[in-house]
N, C-alpha and C. Protein backbone atom coordinates (compact mmCIF):
# COMPACT_ATOMS: atom_id res chain seq x y z
N MET A 1 8.43 38.10 -14.60
CA MET A 1 9.39 37.91 -15.68
C MET A 1 9.06 38.90 -16.78
N PRO A 2 10.03 39.69 -17.20
CA PRO A 2 9.74 40.77 -18.14
C PRO A 2 9.40 40.29 -19.55
N VAL A 3 9.93 39.16 -19.97
CA VAL A 3 9.71 38.68 -21.33
C VAL A 3 8.84 37.42 -21.26
N GLN A 4 7.86 37.33 -22.14
CA GLN A 4 6.98 36.17 -22.16
C GLN A 4 7.75 34.94 -22.63
N VAL A 5 7.44 33.81 -22.00
CA VAL A 5 8.05 32.54 -22.36
C VAL A 5 7.04 31.77 -23.18
N ALA A 6 7.46 31.31 -24.36
CA ALA A 6 6.54 30.57 -25.20
C ALA A 6 7.29 29.56 -26.06
N THR A 7 7.62 28.43 -25.46
CA THR A 7 8.28 27.37 -26.23
C THR A 7 7.25 26.46 -26.88
N GLY A 8 6.00 26.58 -26.41
CA GLY A 8 4.95 25.70 -26.91
C GLY A 8 4.79 24.46 -26.05
N ASP A 9 5.64 24.30 -25.04
CA ASP A 9 5.57 23.15 -24.15
C ASP A 9 5.45 23.68 -22.73
N LYS A 10 4.41 23.29 -22.04
CA LYS A 10 4.12 23.78 -20.70
C LYS A 10 5.25 23.46 -19.72
N ILE A 11 5.81 22.26 -19.81
CA ILE A 11 6.88 21.86 -18.90
C ILE A 11 8.14 22.69 -19.15
N ARG A 12 8.50 22.85 -20.41
CA ARG A 12 9.69 23.66 -20.74
C ARG A 12 9.51 25.10 -20.29
N ASP A 13 8.34 25.66 -20.52
CA ASP A 13 8.08 27.04 -20.08
C ASP A 13 8.21 27.15 -18.57
N ASN A 14 7.73 26.15 -17.86
CA ASN A 14 7.82 26.14 -16.41
C ASN A 14 9.27 26.05 -15.95
N VAL A 15 10.07 25.24 -16.63
CA VAL A 15 11.50 25.13 -16.29
C VAL A 15 12.18 26.47 -16.47
N ILE A 16 11.88 27.18 -17.55
CA ILE A 16 12.48 28.50 -17.79
C ILE A 16 12.11 29.45 -16.66
N LYS A 17 10.86 29.43 -16.25
CA LYS A 17 10.41 30.31 -15.15
C LYS A 17 11.12 29.95 -13.85
N MET A 18 11.26 28.66 -13.56
CA MET A 18 11.94 28.24 -12.33
C MET A 18 13.42 28.63 -12.36
N LEU A 19 14.06 28.47 -13.52
CA LEU A 19 15.46 28.88 -13.65
C LEU A 19 15.59 30.39 -13.44
N TYR A 20 14.67 31.13 -14.02
CA TYR A 20 14.69 32.59 -13.86
C TYR A 20 14.56 32.97 -12.39
N GLN A 21 13.60 32.39 -11.69
CA GLN A 21 13.40 32.69 -10.27
C GLN A 21 14.64 32.32 -9.46
N ALA A 22 15.26 31.21 -9.79
CA ALA A 22 16.47 30.79 -9.09
C ALA A 22 17.63 31.75 -9.36
N LEU A 23 17.74 32.23 -10.60
CA LEU A 23 18.80 33.18 -10.93
C LEU A 23 18.59 34.53 -10.25
N VAL A 24 17.35 34.98 -10.20
CA VAL A 24 17.06 36.26 -9.55
C VAL A 24 17.38 36.16 -8.06
N GLY A 25 16.99 35.07 -7.45
CA GLY A 25 17.29 34.88 -6.03
C GLY A 25 16.73 36.00 -5.19
N ASN A 26 17.53 36.49 -4.26
CA ASN A 26 17.12 37.58 -3.38
C ASN A 26 17.54 38.95 -3.89
N SER A 27 18.27 38.97 -5.00
CA SER A 27 18.79 40.26 -5.50
C SER A 27 17.78 40.94 -6.40
N ASN A 28 17.72 42.25 -6.28
CA ASN A 28 16.83 43.04 -7.13
C ASN A 28 17.63 43.90 -8.11
N GLY A 29 18.95 43.89 -7.99
CA GLY A 29 19.78 44.77 -8.79
C GLY A 29 20.15 44.22 -10.16
N SER A 30 19.85 42.95 -10.44
CA SER A 30 20.24 42.34 -11.71
C SER A 30 19.29 42.75 -12.81
N ASP A 31 19.81 42.78 -14.01
CA ASP A 31 19.01 43.09 -15.19
C ASP A 31 18.07 41.93 -15.48
N GLU A 32 16.76 42.16 -15.32
CA GLU A 32 15.78 41.09 -15.45
C GLU A 32 15.74 40.50 -16.85
N SER A 33 15.85 41.32 -17.86
CA SER A 33 15.79 40.79 -19.23
C SER A 33 17.02 39.93 -19.53
N GLN A 34 18.17 40.29 -18.97
CA GLN A 34 19.38 39.49 -19.15
C GLN A 34 19.20 38.13 -18.47
N LEU A 35 18.64 38.12 -17.26
CA LEU A 35 18.42 36.86 -16.54
C LEU A 35 17.37 36.01 -17.24
N ALA A 36 16.37 36.66 -17.82
CA ALA A 36 15.35 35.91 -18.57
C ALA A 36 15.99 35.23 -19.78
N GLU A 37 16.89 35.94 -20.45
CA GLU A 37 17.58 35.36 -21.61
C GLU A 37 18.50 34.22 -21.17
N LYS A 38 19.22 34.39 -20.06
CA LYS A 38 20.07 33.32 -19.53
C LYS A 38 19.23 32.09 -19.22
N SER A 39 18.07 32.30 -18.61
CA SER A 39 17.18 31.19 -18.27
C SER A 39 16.76 30.43 -19.51
N ARG A 40 16.38 31.17 -20.56
CA ARG A 40 15.97 30.55 -21.82
C ARG A 40 17.12 29.75 -22.44
N LEU A 41 18.30 30.32 -22.42
CA LEU A 41 19.46 29.64 -23.01
C LEU A 41 19.83 28.38 -22.22
N ILE A 42 19.83 28.48 -20.89
CA ILE A 42 20.15 27.30 -20.07
C ILE A 42 19.16 26.19 -20.37
N GLU A 43 17.87 26.53 -20.39
CA GLU A 43 16.85 25.52 -20.68
C GLU A 43 17.05 24.93 -22.06
N HIS A 44 17.36 25.77 -23.04
CA HIS A 44 17.57 25.27 -24.41
C HIS A 44 18.72 24.26 -24.45
N PHE A 45 19.82 24.56 -23.76
CA PHE A 45 20.96 23.64 -23.76
C PHE A 45 20.64 22.35 -23.02
N ILE A 46 19.86 22.43 -21.95
CA ILE A 46 19.43 21.21 -21.26
C ILE A 46 18.57 20.38 -22.20
N TYR A 47 17.63 21.05 -22.88
CA TYR A 47 16.72 20.38 -23.82
C TYR A 47 17.51 19.73 -24.96
N ARG A 48 18.48 20.45 -25.49
CA ARG A 48 19.32 19.92 -26.56
C ARG A 48 20.11 18.71 -26.10
N ASP A 49 20.68 18.80 -24.89
CA ASP A 49 21.47 17.68 -24.36
C ASP A 49 20.62 16.46 -24.04
N CYS A 50 19.31 16.65 -23.95
CA CYS A 50 18.37 15.54 -23.73
C CYS A 50 17.72 15.13 -25.05
N ASN A 51 18.43 15.36 -26.15
CA ASN A 51 17.97 14.97 -27.50
C ASN A 51 16.63 15.59 -27.86
N PHE A 52 16.43 16.83 -27.46
CA PHE A 52 15.22 17.57 -27.77
C PHE A 52 13.96 16.83 -27.34
N GLN A 53 14.05 16.21 -26.16
CA GLN A 53 12.90 15.48 -25.60
C GLN A 53 12.68 15.90 -24.16
N VAL A 54 11.42 16.05 -23.79
CA VAL A 54 11.07 16.30 -22.40
C VAL A 54 10.78 14.94 -21.79
N ASN A 55 11.81 14.38 -21.16
CA ASN A 55 11.70 13.06 -20.56
C ASN A 55 12.20 13.11 -19.12
N LYS A 56 12.34 11.97 -18.50
CA LYS A 56 12.78 11.93 -17.10
C LYS A 56 14.15 12.57 -16.93
N HIS A 57 15.06 12.30 -17.85
CA HIS A 57 16.40 12.88 -17.77
C HIS A 57 16.33 14.41 -17.83
N TYR A 58 15.52 14.93 -18.73
CA TYR A 58 15.35 16.38 -18.86
C TYR A 58 14.83 16.96 -17.53
N LYS A 59 13.79 16.35 -16.99
CA LYS A 59 13.18 16.86 -15.76
C LYS A 59 14.15 16.77 -14.59
N ASP A 60 14.87 15.66 -14.47
CA ASP A 60 15.84 15.51 -13.39
C ASP A 60 16.97 16.52 -13.50
N THR A 61 17.44 16.74 -14.72
CA THR A 61 18.52 17.70 -14.94
C THR A 61 18.06 19.11 -14.60
N ALA A 62 16.88 19.48 -15.07
CA ALA A 62 16.35 20.81 -14.80
C ALA A 62 16.15 21.00 -13.30
N ARG A 63 15.60 20.01 -12.63
CA ARG A 63 15.37 20.09 -11.18
C ARG A 63 16.69 20.26 -10.44
N SER A 64 17.71 19.54 -10.87
CA SER A 64 19.03 19.64 -10.24
C SER A 64 19.61 21.05 -10.41
N LYS A 65 19.48 21.60 -11.60
CA LYS A 65 20.02 22.95 -11.86
C LYS A 65 19.33 23.98 -10.98
N VAL A 66 17.99 23.91 -10.92
CA VAL A 66 17.24 24.88 -10.11
C VAL A 66 17.61 24.73 -8.64
N TRP A 67 17.67 23.50 -8.15
CA TRP A 67 17.99 23.25 -6.75
C TRP A 67 19.38 23.80 -6.41
N ASN A 68 20.35 23.55 -7.28
CA ASN A 68 21.72 24.02 -7.02
C ASN A 68 21.82 25.53 -7.08
N LEU A 69 21.07 26.17 -7.97
CA LEU A 69 21.08 27.63 -8.03
C LEU A 69 20.47 28.24 -6.77
N LYS A 70 19.49 27.57 -6.19
CA LYS A 70 18.82 28.08 -5.00
C LYS A 70 19.55 27.71 -3.70
N ASP A 71 20.54 26.87 -3.78
CA ASP A 71 21.24 26.38 -2.59
C ASP A 71 21.90 27.54 -1.84
N THR A 72 21.43 27.81 -0.62
CA THR A 72 21.97 28.92 0.17
C THR A 72 23.39 28.64 0.65
N LYS A 73 23.80 27.38 0.64
CA LYS A 73 25.16 27.03 1.05
C LYS A 73 26.15 27.18 -0.10
N ASN A 74 25.64 27.51 -1.28
CA ASN A 74 26.51 27.64 -2.46
C ASN A 74 26.13 28.88 -3.28
N PRO A 75 26.21 30.07 -2.67
CA PRO A 75 25.82 31.28 -3.41
C PRO A 75 26.77 31.62 -4.57
N GLU A 76 28.00 31.09 -4.52
CA GLU A 76 28.96 31.38 -5.58
C GLU A 76 28.49 30.86 -6.92
N LEU A 77 27.83 29.71 -6.92
CA LEU A 77 27.36 29.13 -8.18
C LEU A 77 26.39 30.08 -8.87
N ARG A 78 25.38 30.54 -8.13
CA ARG A 78 24.40 31.46 -8.72
C ARG A 78 25.07 32.74 -9.20
N LEU A 79 25.94 33.29 -8.39
CA LEU A 79 26.63 34.53 -8.79
C LEU A 79 27.49 34.32 -10.04
N ASN A 80 28.17 33.19 -10.12
CA ASN A 80 29.00 32.91 -11.30
C ASN A 80 28.17 32.75 -12.56
N VAL A 81 26.97 32.19 -12.45
CA VAL A 81 26.09 32.06 -13.61
C VAL A 81 25.53 33.43 -13.98
N VAL A 82 25.09 34.20 -12.97
CA VAL A 82 24.49 35.52 -13.21
C VAL A 82 25.51 36.46 -13.86
N ASN A 83 26.74 36.49 -13.36
CA ASN A 83 27.71 37.45 -13.90
C ASN A 83 28.45 36.93 -15.14
N GLY A 84 28.17 35.70 -15.56
CA GLY A 84 28.73 35.19 -16.80
C GLY A 84 30.05 34.46 -16.65
N THR A 85 30.57 34.32 -15.43
CA THR A 85 31.80 33.55 -15.22
C THR A 85 31.59 32.12 -15.69
N ILE A 86 30.39 31.59 -15.41
CA ILE A 86 29.99 30.28 -15.94
C ILE A 86 28.96 30.55 -17.02
N GLY A 87 29.26 30.14 -18.24
CA GLY A 87 28.34 30.36 -19.35
C GLY A 87 27.12 29.46 -19.28
N GLU A 88 26.11 29.81 -20.05
CA GLU A 88 24.84 29.08 -20.03
C GLU A 88 25.02 27.62 -20.47
N GLU A 89 25.76 27.41 -21.55
CA GLU A 89 25.97 26.05 -22.04
C GLU A 89 26.81 25.25 -21.05
N GLU A 90 27.84 25.87 -20.51
CA GLU A 90 28.69 25.19 -19.53
C GLU A 90 27.87 24.79 -18.31
N PHE A 91 27.02 25.70 -17.82
CA PHE A 91 26.19 25.40 -16.65
C PHE A 91 25.22 24.27 -16.96
N ALA A 92 24.62 24.29 -18.14
CA ALA A 92 23.66 23.25 -18.51
C ALA A 92 24.29 21.87 -18.52
N ARG A 93 25.58 21.80 -18.78
CA ARG A 93 26.28 20.51 -18.87
C ARG A 93 26.95 20.09 -17.56
N MET A 94 26.95 20.96 -16.57
CA MET A 94 27.62 20.64 -15.31
C MET A 94 26.90 19.51 -14.58
N ASP A 95 27.70 18.61 -14.00
CA ASP A 95 27.12 17.56 -13.17
C ASP A 95 27.10 18.03 -11.72
N ALA A 96 26.55 17.23 -10.84
CA ALA A 96 26.41 17.61 -9.44
C ALA A 96 27.75 17.93 -8.80
N GLU A 97 28.77 17.17 -9.12
CA GLU A 97 30.10 17.40 -8.55
C GLU A 97 30.64 18.77 -8.96
N ALA A 98 30.46 19.12 -10.21
CA ALA A 98 30.96 20.41 -10.70
C ALA A 98 30.19 21.58 -10.09
N MET A 99 28.91 21.39 -9.79
CA MET A 99 28.10 22.46 -9.21
C MET A 99 28.28 22.59 -7.70
N ALA A 100 28.91 21.62 -7.07
CA ALA A 100 29.03 21.61 -5.62
C ALA A 100 29.86 22.79 -5.12
N SER A 101 29.57 23.20 -3.90
CA SER A 101 30.33 24.27 -3.27
C SER A 101 31.74 23.77 -2.97
N LYS A 102 32.64 24.71 -2.69
CA LYS A 102 34.02 24.33 -2.38
C LYS A 102 34.06 23.43 -1.14
N GLU A 103 33.24 23.74 -0.16
CA GLU A 103 33.19 22.93 1.06
C GLU A 103 32.71 21.52 0.76
N ARG A 104 31.67 21.41 -0.07
CA ARG A 104 31.13 20.10 -0.42
C ARG A 104 32.16 19.30 -1.22
N LYS A 105 32.88 19.95 -2.12
CA LYS A 105 33.92 19.27 -2.89
C LYS A 105 35.01 18.74 -1.96
N ARG A 106 35.37 19.56 -0.95
CA ARG A 106 36.38 19.14 0.01
C ARG A 106 35.89 17.92 0.79
N GLN A 107 34.63 17.93 1.20
CA GLN A 107 34.06 16.80 1.93
C GLN A 107 34.05 15.54 1.05
N ASN A 108 33.71 15.70 -0.23
CA ASN A 108 33.68 14.55 -1.14
C ASN A 108 35.07 13.95 -1.31
N VAL A 109 36.09 14.79 -1.39
CA VAL A 109 37.47 14.30 -1.51
C VAL A 109 37.84 13.51 -0.26
N MET A 110 37.49 14.02 0.90
CA MET A 110 37.80 13.33 2.15
C MET A 110 37.06 11.99 2.23
N LEU A 111 35.80 11.96 1.82
CA LEU A 111 35.04 10.71 1.82
C LEU A 111 35.68 9.67 0.91
N ARG A 112 36.11 10.10 -0.28
CA ARG A 112 36.75 9.17 -1.21
C ARG A 112 38.06 8.65 -0.64
N LYS A 113 38.85 9.54 -0.04
CA LYS A 113 40.12 9.11 0.54
C LYS A 113 39.89 8.10 1.66
N ASN A 114 38.94 8.39 2.54
CA ASN A 114 38.64 7.48 3.65
C ASN A 114 38.12 6.15 3.14
N SER A 115 37.27 6.19 2.13
CA SER A 115 36.72 4.97 1.57
C SER A 115 37.83 4.12 0.95
N LEU A 116 38.72 4.76 0.22
CA LEU A 116 39.84 4.04 -0.40
C LEU A 116 40.73 3.44 0.67
N ARG A 117 41.03 4.22 1.69
CA ARG A 117 41.89 3.74 2.78
C ARG A 117 41.24 2.54 3.47
N ASP A 118 39.93 2.62 3.72
CA ASP A 118 39.23 1.52 4.37
C ASP A 118 39.18 0.28 3.50
N SER A 119 39.08 0.47 2.19
CA SER A 119 38.97 -0.68 1.29
C SER A 119 40.29 -1.43 1.12
N ILE A 120 41.41 -0.77 1.39
CA ILE A 120 42.70 -1.45 1.26
C ILE A 120 43.36 -1.65 2.62
N ALA A 121 42.54 -1.68 3.67
CA ALA A 121 43.06 -1.82 5.03
C ALA A 121 43.79 -3.14 5.23
N ILE A 122 43.32 -4.22 4.61
CA ILE A 122 43.98 -5.52 4.75
C ILE A 122 44.94 -5.65 3.57
N MET A 123 46.17 -5.28 3.81
CA MET A 123 47.15 -5.22 2.74
C MET A 123 47.71 -6.59 2.35
N ASP A 124 47.67 -7.55 3.26
CA ASP A 124 48.30 -8.83 2.98
C ASP A 124 47.31 -9.89 2.50
N LEU A 125 46.17 -9.49 1.99
CA LEU A 125 45.19 -10.42 1.46
C LEU A 125 45.69 -10.94 0.11
N LYS A 126 45.66 -12.26 -0.05
CA LYS A 126 46.16 -12.86 -1.29
C LYS A 126 44.99 -13.48 -2.03
N PRO A 127 45.14 -13.75 -3.31
CA PRO A 127 44.06 -14.31 -4.11
C PRO A 127 43.62 -15.69 -3.61
N VAL A 128 42.38 -16.04 -3.95
CA VAL A 128 41.85 -17.35 -3.61
C VAL A 128 42.57 -18.39 -4.45
N THR A 129 43.01 -19.48 -3.79
CA THR A 129 43.68 -20.55 -4.51
C THR A 129 42.91 -21.84 -4.28
N THR A 130 43.00 -22.72 -5.23
CA THR A 130 42.34 -24.02 -5.08
C THR A 130 43.39 -25.11 -5.26
N ASP A 131 43.18 -26.17 -4.53
CA ASP A 131 44.04 -27.34 -4.64
C ASP A 131 43.29 -28.34 -5.52
N GLU A 132 43.97 -28.92 -6.48
CA GLU A 132 43.34 -29.86 -7.41
C GLU A 132 42.62 -30.99 -6.68
N SER A 133 43.21 -31.48 -5.58
CA SER A 133 42.64 -32.61 -4.86
C SER A 133 41.54 -32.17 -3.88
N ASP A 134 41.50 -30.88 -3.53
CA ASP A 134 40.51 -30.38 -2.56
C ASP A 134 39.60 -29.39 -3.26
N PRO A 135 38.28 -29.69 -3.38
CA PRO A 135 37.37 -28.80 -4.09
C PRO A 135 37.09 -27.49 -3.35
N GLU A 136 37.41 -27.41 -2.07
CA GLU A 136 37.17 -26.20 -1.30
C GLU A 136 38.26 -25.17 -1.60
N PRO A 137 37.88 -23.93 -1.93
CA PRO A 137 38.90 -22.90 -2.15
C PRO A 137 39.59 -22.54 -0.85
N LYS A 138 40.84 -22.18 -0.93
CA LYS A 138 41.60 -21.79 0.24
C LYS A 138 41.94 -20.30 0.11
N ILE A 139 41.78 -19.59 1.21
CA ILE A 139 42.09 -18.16 1.23
C ILE A 139 43.31 -17.98 2.12
N THR A 140 44.29 -17.28 1.62
CA THR A 140 45.50 -17.06 2.39
C THR A 140 45.51 -15.61 2.85
N VAL A 141 45.54 -15.42 4.15
CA VAL A 141 45.64 -14.08 4.74
C VAL A 141 46.88 -14.10 5.61
N GLY A 142 47.86 -13.31 5.21
CA GLY A 142 49.12 -13.32 5.95
C GLY A 142 49.74 -14.70 5.86
N ASP A 143 49.95 -15.33 7.01
CA ASP A 143 50.54 -16.67 7.02
C ASP A 143 49.50 -17.73 7.40
N ARG A 144 48.21 -17.38 7.42
CA ARG A 144 47.16 -18.33 7.76
C ARG A 144 46.41 -18.75 6.50
N THR A 145 46.01 -19.98 6.45
CA THR A 145 45.21 -20.50 5.34
C THR A 145 43.91 -21.03 5.91
N SER A 146 42.81 -20.72 5.25
CA SER A 146 41.51 -21.15 5.73
C SER A 146 40.71 -21.75 4.58
N ASN A 147 39.87 -22.72 4.91
CA ASN A 147 38.98 -23.31 3.91
C ASN A 147 37.68 -22.52 3.79
N ARG A 148 37.47 -21.60 4.68
CA ARG A 148 36.19 -20.94 4.80
C ARG A 148 36.18 -19.61 4.06
N LEU A 149 35.16 -19.40 3.24
CA LEU A 149 34.97 -18.11 2.60
C LEU A 149 34.22 -17.21 3.56
N TRP A 150 34.46 -15.92 3.50
CA TRP A 150 33.77 -14.97 4.36
C TRP A 150 32.33 -14.84 3.92
N SER A 151 31.42 -14.72 4.89
CA SER A 151 30.03 -14.49 4.56
C SER A 151 29.50 -13.40 5.48
N GLY A 152 28.35 -12.86 5.13
CA GLY A 152 27.74 -11.80 5.92
C GLY A 152 27.45 -12.23 7.34
N SER A 153 27.22 -13.53 7.56
CA SER A 153 26.92 -14.00 8.91
C SER A 153 28.13 -13.90 9.83
N ASP A 154 29.34 -13.77 9.25
CA ASP A 154 30.54 -13.62 10.06
C ASP A 154 30.49 -12.34 10.89
N ILE A 155 29.85 -11.32 10.36
CA ILE A 155 29.75 -10.05 11.07
C ILE A 155 28.98 -10.25 12.36
N ASP A 156 27.87 -10.99 12.28
CA ASP A 156 27.05 -11.23 13.45
C ASP A 156 27.82 -11.97 14.54
N ALA A 157 28.72 -12.84 14.14
CA ALA A 157 29.48 -13.62 15.10
C ALA A 157 30.47 -12.74 15.89
N HIS A 158 30.91 -11.64 15.29
CA HIS A 158 31.92 -10.80 15.93
C HIS A 158 31.32 -9.60 16.64
N VAL A 159 30.03 -9.38 16.51
CA VAL A 159 29.41 -8.19 17.10
C VAL A 159 28.94 -8.48 18.49
């Protein structure tokens, strides 16, 4: 690293070095001093967003940023940060979903759609009703009424 890192905190200095190494990646053509400055700024914004404290949230956030920058399945993220398409402050605030590759985002959308579809598969389920004279709740599914509530043991009976 061309410029010395000296925040006065060993953990913060280490985060800056890890961010720098992740930004450099396999390329040798980038301006090292520019990447060192980007690393310092990204760390500063992470630190600021963690209320100027080195705590679990700070460490988890920094680890996530470094991991995502190094992700070989998502080279666009690193390139966008290096060339300035994604600014330092914007990158520091990105969550995992925002940092995900296009393919991963597509997979997440499909998972959500499938999960939603599966959760509403029984369209004719009606609310639980109780009869004043009968303390057992009745569940109406379609045109059938049952006194029995579903339990996890029902799965075992059908497997």
